[in-house]
N, C-alpha and C. Protein backbone atom coordinates (compact mmCIF):
# COMPACT_ATOMS: atom_id res chain seq x y z
N GLN A 1 -179.05 -153.16 -147.51
CA GLN A 1 -177.57 -152.41 -147.06
C GLN A 1 -176.78 -154.07 -147.14
N VAL A 2 -177.40 -155.00 -146.45
CA VAL A 2 -176.66 -156.31 -146.42
C VAL A 2 -177.18 -157.49 -147.02
N GLN A 3 -176.92 -158.42 -147.74
CA GLN A 3 -177.34 -159.32 -148.13
C GLN A 3 -176.83 -160.74 -147.72
N LEU A 4 -177.56 -161.75 -147.48
CA LEU A 4 -177.16 -163.02 -147.28
C LEU A 4 -177.75 -163.92 -148.61
N VAL A 5 -176.95 -164.80 -149.08
CA VAL A 5 -177.19 -165.53 -149.96
C VAL A 5 -176.62 -166.97 -149.88
N GLU A 6 -177.79 -168.06 -149.91
CA GLU A 6 -177.74 -169.36 -149.62
C GLU A 6 -177.22 -169.97 -150.77
N SER A 7 -176.38 -171.00 -150.97
CA SER A 7 -176.05 -171.99 -151.85
C SER A 7 -176.10 -173.52 -151.50
N GLY A 8 -176.31 -174.26 -152.45
CA GLY A 8 -175.90 -175.59 -152.04
C GLY A 8 -176.77 -176.67 -151.84
N GLY A 9 -177.87 -176.10 -152.32
CA GLY A 9 -179.37 -177.21 -152.26
C GLY A 9 -179.47 -177.93 -153.15
N GLY A 10 -180.38 -178.71 -153.22
CA GLY A 10 -181.01 -179.47 -154.34
C GLY A 10 -181.29 -180.63 -154.04
N LEU A 11 -181.32 -181.71 -154.87
CA LEU A 11 -181.79 -182.86 -154.88
C LEU A 11 -180.70 -183.89 -154.26
N VAL A 12 -181.16 -184.84 -153.22
CA VAL A 12 -180.20 -185.90 -152.79
C VAL A 12 -181.26 -187.15 -152.41
N GLN A 13 -180.29 -188.28 -152.24
CA GLN A 13 -180.95 -189.20 -151.96
C GLN A 13 -180.97 -189.59 -150.42
N PRO A 14 -181.95 -190.40 -149.66
CA PRO A 14 -181.62 -190.60 -148.35
C PRO A 14 -180.36 -191.33 -148.09
N GLY A 15 -179.92 -190.85 -147.15
CA GLY A 15 -178.45 -191.13 -146.55
C GLY A 15 -177.34 -190.41 -147.12
N GLY A 16 -177.49 -189.69 -147.96
CA GLY A 16 -176.71 -188.69 -148.71
C GLY A 16 -176.42 -187.55 -147.82
N SER A 17 -175.24 -187.00 -148.25
CA SER A 17 -174.86 -185.66 -147.73
C SER A 17 -175.12 -184.31 -148.72
N LEU A 18 -174.79 -183.14 -148.15
CA LEU A 18 -175.22 -181.96 -148.60
C LEU A 18 -174.28 -181.00 -148.01
N ARG A 19 -173.90 -180.06 -148.48
CA ARG A 19 -173.25 -178.84 -147.89
C ARG A 19 -174.03 -177.58 -148.25
N LEU A 20 -174.56 -176.92 -147.51
CA LEU A 20 -175.05 -175.60 -147.76
C LEU A 20 -174.02 -174.34 -146.92
N SER A 21 -173.84 -173.31 -147.97
CA SER A 21 -173.26 -172.16 -147.82
C SER A 21 -174.07 -170.76 -147.76
N CYS A 22 -173.59 -170.13 -146.63
CA CYS A 22 -174.35 -168.69 -146.93
C CYS A 22 -173.49 -167.70 -146.59
N ALA A 23 -173.16 -166.68 -147.72
CA ALA A 23 -172.54 -165.63 -147.63
C ALA A 23 -173.19 -164.39 -147.60
N ALA A 24 -172.67 -163.61 -146.36
CA ALA A 24 -173.12 -162.10 -146.16
C ALA A 24 -172.22 -161.25 -147.22
N SER A 25 -173.05 -160.23 -147.63
CA SER A 25 -172.18 -159.24 -148.15
C SER A 25 -172.70 -157.60 -147.74
N GLY A 26 -171.99 -156.97 -148.24
CA GLY A 26 -172.56 -155.46 -148.07
C GLY A 26 -171.51 -154.66 -146.79
N SER A 27 -172.15 -153.83 -146.23
CA SER A 27 -171.42 -152.72 -145.60
C SER A 27 -171.57 -153.40 -144.18
N ILE A 28 -170.44 -154.40 -143.73
CA ILE A 28 -170.45 -155.13 -142.69
C ILE A 28 -169.26 -155.01 -141.73
N PHE A 29 -169.59 -154.58 -140.53
CA PHE A 29 -168.62 -154.28 -139.62
C PHE A 29 -168.35 -155.61 -138.52
N ARG A 30 -169.44 -156.25 -138.42
CA ARG A 30 -169.11 -157.59 -137.52
C ARG A 30 -170.44 -158.47 -137.71
N ILE A 31 -170.47 -159.80 -137.84
CA ILE A 31 -171.49 -160.75 -137.80
C ILE A 31 -171.53 -161.48 -136.39
N ASN A 32 -172.71 -161.47 -135.57
CA ASN A 32 -172.91 -162.13 -134.30
C ASN A 32 -173.00 -163.44 -134.43
N ALA A 33 -174.27 -163.94 -134.13
CA ALA A 33 -174.50 -165.11 -134.33
C ALA A 33 -175.19 -165.45 -135.69
N MET A 34 -174.81 -166.83 -136.26
CA MET A 34 -175.64 -167.00 -137.47
C MET A 34 -176.04 -168.11 -137.07
N GLY A 35 -177.19 -168.87 -138.01
CA GLY A 35 -177.81 -169.87 -137.97
C GLY A 35 -178.53 -170.24 -139.24
N TRP A 36 -179.14 -171.62 -139.14
CA TRP A 36 -179.74 -172.14 -140.49
C TRP A 36 -181.33 -172.41 -139.83
N TYR A 37 -182.27 -172.04 -140.40
CA TYR A 37 -183.86 -172.35 -140.34
C TYR A 37 -183.96 -172.86 -141.27
N ARG A 38 -185.22 -174.25 -141.18
CA ARG A 38 -185.84 -174.70 -142.19
C ARG A 38 -187.39 -174.69 -142.35
N GLN A 39 -187.93 -174.66 -143.11
CA GLN A 39 -189.50 -174.87 -143.49
C GLN A 39 -190.02 -175.64 -144.32
N ALA A 40 -190.72 -176.96 -143.99
CA ALA A 40 -191.26 -177.85 -144.63
C ALA A 40 -192.84 -177.34 -145.16
N PRO A 41 -193.05 -177.90 -146.36
CA PRO A 41 -194.22 -177.64 -146.96
C PRO A 41 -195.44 -177.79 -145.88
N GLY A 42 -196.29 -176.57 -145.41
CA GLY A 42 -197.74 -176.91 -144.42
C GLY A 42 -197.03 -176.67 -143.10
N LYS A 43 -195.79 -176.58 -142.92
CA LYS A 43 -195.14 -176.64 -141.35
C LYS A 43 -194.52 -175.26 -140.94
N GLU A 44 -194.32 -175.02 -139.69
CA GLU A 44 -193.42 -173.77 -139.60
C GLU A 44 -192.09 -173.88 -139.47
N ARG A 45 -191.56 -172.71 -139.55
CA ARG A 45 -190.19 -172.76 -139.67
C ARG A 45 -189.44 -172.86 -138.37
N GLU A 46 -188.51 -173.59 -138.17
CA GLU A 46 -187.77 -174.47 -137.21
C GLU A 46 -186.50 -174.01 -137.45
N LEU A 47 -185.53 -173.79 -136.18
CA LEU A 47 -184.17 -173.47 -135.94
C LEU A 47 -183.53 -175.10 -136.04
N VAL A 48 -182.63 -175.05 -137.31
CA VAL A 48 -181.65 -176.09 -137.48
C VAL A 48 -180.63 -176.25 -136.43
N ALA A 49 -179.86 -175.16 -136.60
CA ALA A 49 -178.35 -175.34 -136.11
C ALA A 49 -178.02 -173.44 -135.95
N SER A 50 -177.68 -173.18 -134.98
CA SER A 50 -176.92 -171.97 -134.68
C SER A 50 -175.41 -172.01 -134.30
N ILE A 51 -174.86 -170.93 -134.51
CA ILE A 51 -173.25 -170.73 -133.98
C ILE A 51 -172.95 -169.31 -133.56
N THR A 52 -172.50 -169.20 -132.69
CA THR A 52 -172.03 -167.86 -132.21
C THR A 52 -170.90 -167.43 -132.86
N ARG A 53 -170.42 -165.99 -132.74
CA ARG A 53 -169.17 -165.73 -133.43
C ARG A 53 -167.91 -166.56 -132.73
N GLY A 54 -168.09 -166.74 -131.29
CA GLY A 54 -167.20 -167.31 -130.95
C GLY A 54 -167.17 -168.92 -130.90
N GLY A 55 -168.00 -169.52 -131.96
CA GLY A 55 -168.12 -171.12 -132.23
C GLY A 55 -168.79 -171.92 -131.20
N ILE A 56 -169.56 -171.24 -130.30
CA ILE A 56 -170.42 -172.16 -129.87
C ILE A 56 -171.81 -172.71 -130.54
N THR A 57 -172.05 -173.69 -130.80
CA THR A 57 -172.99 -174.33 -131.43
C THR A 57 -174.27 -174.85 -130.72
N ASN A 58 -175.30 -174.86 -131.50
CA ASN A 58 -176.76 -175.38 -130.80
C ASN A 58 -177.65 -176.38 -132.05
N TYR A 59 -177.91 -177.18 -131.80
CA TYR A 59 -178.47 -177.89 -132.73
C TYR A 59 -180.04 -178.38 -132.56
N ALA A 60 -180.94 -178.31 -133.34
CA ALA A 60 -181.95 -179.31 -132.95
C ALA A 60 -181.91 -180.63 -132.82
N ASP A 61 -182.70 -181.13 -131.88
CA ASP A 61 -182.42 -182.56 -131.58
C ASP A 61 -182.40 -183.64 -132.85
N SER A 62 -183.56 -183.15 -133.95
CA SER A 62 -183.72 -184.26 -135.12
C SER A 62 -182.55 -183.97 -135.74
N VAL A 63 -181.22 -183.29 -135.73
CA VAL A 63 -180.14 -183.30 -136.82
C VAL A 63 -179.10 -183.66 -135.70
N LYS A 64 -178.99 -183.47 -134.65
CA LYS A 64 -177.96 -183.75 -133.66
C LYS A 64 -177.06 -185.12 -134.24
N GLY A 65 -175.77 -184.82 -134.51
CA GLY A 65 -174.89 -185.97 -134.97
C GLY A 65 -175.22 -185.85 -136.26
N ARG A 66 -175.96 -185.71 -137.12
CA ARG A 66 -176.11 -185.78 -138.43
C ARG A 66 -175.65 -184.33 -139.25
N PHE A 67 -175.83 -183.27 -138.84
CA PHE A 67 -175.49 -181.95 -139.26
C PHE A 67 -174.43 -181.26 -138.31
N THR A 68 -173.62 -180.69 -138.88
CA THR A 68 -172.66 -179.71 -138.46
C THR A 68 -172.65 -178.23 -139.23
N ILE A 69 -172.72 -177.41 -138.07
CA ILE A 69 -172.51 -175.95 -138.39
C ILE A 69 -171.31 -175.40 -138.09
N SER A 70 -170.77 -174.50 -139.18
CA SER A 70 -169.37 -174.15 -138.88
C SER A 70 -169.66 -172.49 -139.57
N ARG A 71 -168.44 -171.84 -139.35
CA ARG A 71 -168.22 -170.63 -139.93
C ARG A 71 -167.12 -170.15 -140.23
N ASP A 72 -166.67 -168.85 -141.10
CA ASP A 72 -165.54 -168.44 -141.35
C ASP A 72 -165.72 -167.06 -141.17
N ASN A 73 -165.25 -166.34 -140.10
CA ASN A 73 -165.54 -165.04 -139.89
C ASN A 73 -164.93 -164.28 -140.66
N ALA A 74 -163.73 -164.41 -141.16
CA ALA A 74 -163.06 -163.72 -142.14
C ALA A 74 -163.74 -163.72 -143.91
N LYS A 75 -164.63 -164.63 -144.33
CA LYS A 75 -165.37 -164.72 -145.06
C LYS A 75 -166.65 -164.42 -144.71
N ASN A 76 -167.06 -164.10 -143.93
CA ASN A 76 -168.57 -164.08 -143.53
C ASN A 76 -169.39 -164.80 -143.87
N THR A 77 -168.98 -165.81 -143.87
CA THR A 77 -169.98 -167.14 -144.27
C THR A 77 -170.17 -168.42 -143.49
N VAL A 78 -171.43 -168.88 -143.28
CA VAL A 78 -171.58 -169.90 -142.43
C VAL A 78 -172.13 -171.17 -143.34
N TYR A 79 -171.76 -172.34 -142.78
CA TYR A 79 -172.01 -173.58 -143.60
C TYR A 79 -172.67 -174.54 -142.75
N LEU A 80 -173.55 -175.43 -143.41
CA LEU A 80 -173.97 -176.48 -142.95
C LEU A 80 -173.96 -177.57 -143.38
N GLN A 81 -173.23 -178.51 -142.91
CA GLN A 81 -173.04 -179.80 -143.60
C GLN A 81 -173.89 -180.81 -143.17
N MET A 82 -174.64 -181.55 -143.96
CA MET A 82 -175.49 -182.11 -143.78
C MET A 82 -175.14 -183.95 -144.05
N SER A 83 -175.64 -184.61 -143.08
CA SER A 83 -174.92 -186.01 -143.62
C SER A 83 -176.12 -186.77 -143.16
N SER A 84 -176.09 -188.19 -143.66
CA SER A 84 -177.15 -189.08 -143.26
C SER A 84 -178.62 -188.73 -143.33
N LEU A 85 -178.75 -188.11 -144.35
CA LEU A 85 -180.17 -187.02 -144.88
C LEU A 85 -181.24 -188.15 -144.75
N LYS A 86 -182.35 -187.50 -144.12
CA LYS A 86 -183.71 -188.12 -144.28
C LYS A 86 -184.74 -187.79 -144.98
N PHE A 87 -185.70 -188.47 -145.38
CA PHE A 87 -186.84 -187.74 -145.87
C PHE A 87 -187.25 -186.32 -145.36
N GLU A 88 -187.51 -186.45 -144.09
CA GLU A 88 -188.03 -185.62 -143.18
C GLU A 88 -187.26 -184.30 -143.17
N ASP A 89 -185.80 -184.39 -143.79
CA ASP A 89 -185.05 -183.01 -143.46
C ASP A 89 -185.57 -182.22 -144.89
N THR A 90 -186.35 -182.76 -145.87
CA THR A 90 -186.70 -181.97 -147.15
C THR A 90 -187.51 -180.62 -146.38
N ALA A 91 -186.92 -179.66 -147.00
CA ALA A 91 -187.65 -178.34 -146.61
C ALA A 91 -186.64 -177.29 -147.41
N VAL A 92 -187.28 -175.96 -147.39
CA VAL A 92 -186.35 -174.60 -147.65
C VAL A 92 -185.57 -174.41 -146.62
N TYR A 93 -184.31 -174.14 -146.91
CA TYR A 93 -183.18 -173.87 -145.77
C TYR A 93 -182.81 -172.47 -145.68
N TYR A 94 -183.39 -171.72 -144.55
CA TYR A 94 -182.89 -170.31 -144.81
C TYR A 94 -181.75 -170.01 -143.89
N CYS A 95 -181.05 -169.11 -144.26
CA CYS A 95 -179.45 -168.60 -143.33
C CYS A 95 -180.34 -167.34 -142.80
N ASN A 96 -179.56 -167.09 -141.65
CA ASN A 96 -179.95 -166.01 -140.40
C ASN A 96 -178.58 -165.59 -140.23
N ALA A 97 -178.51 -164.16 -139.87
CA ALA A 97 -177.54 -163.68 -139.23
C ALA A 97 -177.70 -162.28 -138.32
N GLN A 98 -177.11 -162.13 -137.42
CA GLN A 98 -177.25 -160.92 -136.83
C GLN A 98 -176.12 -160.38 -137.04
N ILE A 99 -176.12 -159.01 -137.89
CA ILE A 99 -175.00 -158.32 -138.12
C ILE A 99 -175.18 -156.78 -137.76
N MET A 100 -173.99 -156.54 -137.42
CA MET A 100 -173.62 -154.93 -137.09
C MET A 100 -173.24 -154.30 -138.29
N GLY A 101 -173.92 -153.15 -138.94
CA GLY A 101 -173.22 -152.41 -140.29
C GLY A 101 -172.29 -151.52 -139.82
N MET A 102 -171.51 -151.53 -140.93
CA MET A 102 -170.57 -150.24 -140.76
C MET A 102 -170.61 -149.24 -139.92
N GLY A 103 -170.27 -148.63 -139.22
CA GLY A 103 -170.38 -147.15 -138.53
C GLY A 103 -171.82 -147.20 -137.75
N SER A 104 -172.44 -148.63 -137.32
CA SER A 104 -173.41 -148.77 -136.79
C SER A 104 -173.24 -149.34 -135.38
N ASN A 105 -174.32 -149.12 -134.36
CA ASN A 105 -174.13 -149.57 -132.98
C ASN A 105 -175.23 -150.25 -132.66
N TYR A 106 -176.03 -150.98 -133.52
CA TYR A 106 -177.56 -151.67 -133.52
C TYR A 106 -176.75 -152.81 -134.57
N VAL A 107 -177.62 -153.99 -134.19
CA VAL A 107 -177.75 -155.43 -134.66
C VAL A 107 -179.03 -155.34 -135.69
N MET A 108 -178.77 -155.67 -137.12
CA MET A 108 -179.40 -155.95 -137.88
C MET A 108 -179.79 -157.87 -138.04
N ASP A 109 -181.19 -158.00 -138.00
CA ASP A 109 -181.62 -159.71 -137.96
C ASP A 109 -181.83 -159.46 -139.68
N SER A 110 -180.96 -160.13 -140.29
CA SER A 110 -180.84 -160.50 -141.76
C SER A 110 -181.42 -162.06 -142.11
N TRP A 111 -181.85 -162.21 -143.36
CA TRP A 111 -182.45 -163.44 -143.74
C TRP A 111 -182.20 -163.61 -145.20
N GLY A 112 -181.52 -164.68 -145.46
CA GLY A 112 -181.55 -165.01 -146.78
C GLY A 112 -182.99 -165.44 -147.58
N LYS A 113 -182.81 -165.73 -148.83
CA LYS A 113 -184.19 -166.04 -149.76
C LYS A 113 -184.43 -167.68 -149.44
N GLY A 114 -183.45 -168.53 -149.04
CA GLY A 114 -183.70 -169.81 -148.99
C GLY A 114 -183.43 -170.58 -150.03
N THR A 115 -182.83 -171.80 -149.92
CA THR A 115 -182.50 -172.88 -151.02
C THR A 115 -182.96 -174.10 -150.43
N LEU A 116 -183.30 -174.65 -151.53
CA LEU A 116 -184.45 -175.99 -151.36
C LEU A 116 -183.50 -177.28 -151.09
N VAL A 117 -183.49 -177.92 -150.11
CA VAL A 117 -182.86 -179.52 -150.25
C VAL A 117 -184.53 -180.42 -150.28
N ASN A 118 -184.12 -181.12 -150.98
CA ASN A 118 -184.90 -182.24 -151.66
C ASN A 118 -184.36 -183.52 -151.33
N VAL A 119 -184.86 -184.20 -150.22
CA VAL A 119 -184.40 -185.48 -149.76
C VAL A 119 -185.43 -186.57 -150.44
N SER A 120 -184.94 -187.34 -151.74
CA SER A 120 -185.89 -188.42 -152.06
C SER A 120 -185.20 -189.37 -152.91
N SER A 121 -185.85 -190.50 -152.81
CA SER A 121 -185.29 -191.51 -153.62
C SER A 121 -185.72 -191.79 -154.95
């Protein structure tokens, strides 16, 4: 019923910047918390950053001060601005959202298919 589509991934040099976007579509009444996760090859998926509907943010220690999460509630979109990128930031980045569907009284845990960020010289 609802979909999350990430965009903005690609190849970037160490020290560079990249901006990821995730747009939710479908029969949506409201989106509560949104976040970005990442999974590097051979490693477990980890939370990178999250943001509540009211704008309260949380970051993994490894990205604090370098990444910024934001959202546009009117556009049902969440962003991840990544700066000072490091080799260890290389991963598939996944968008996550807690979505209330139109006419529903419960929340769906929705995931995007992911976008690859490759930090390499």
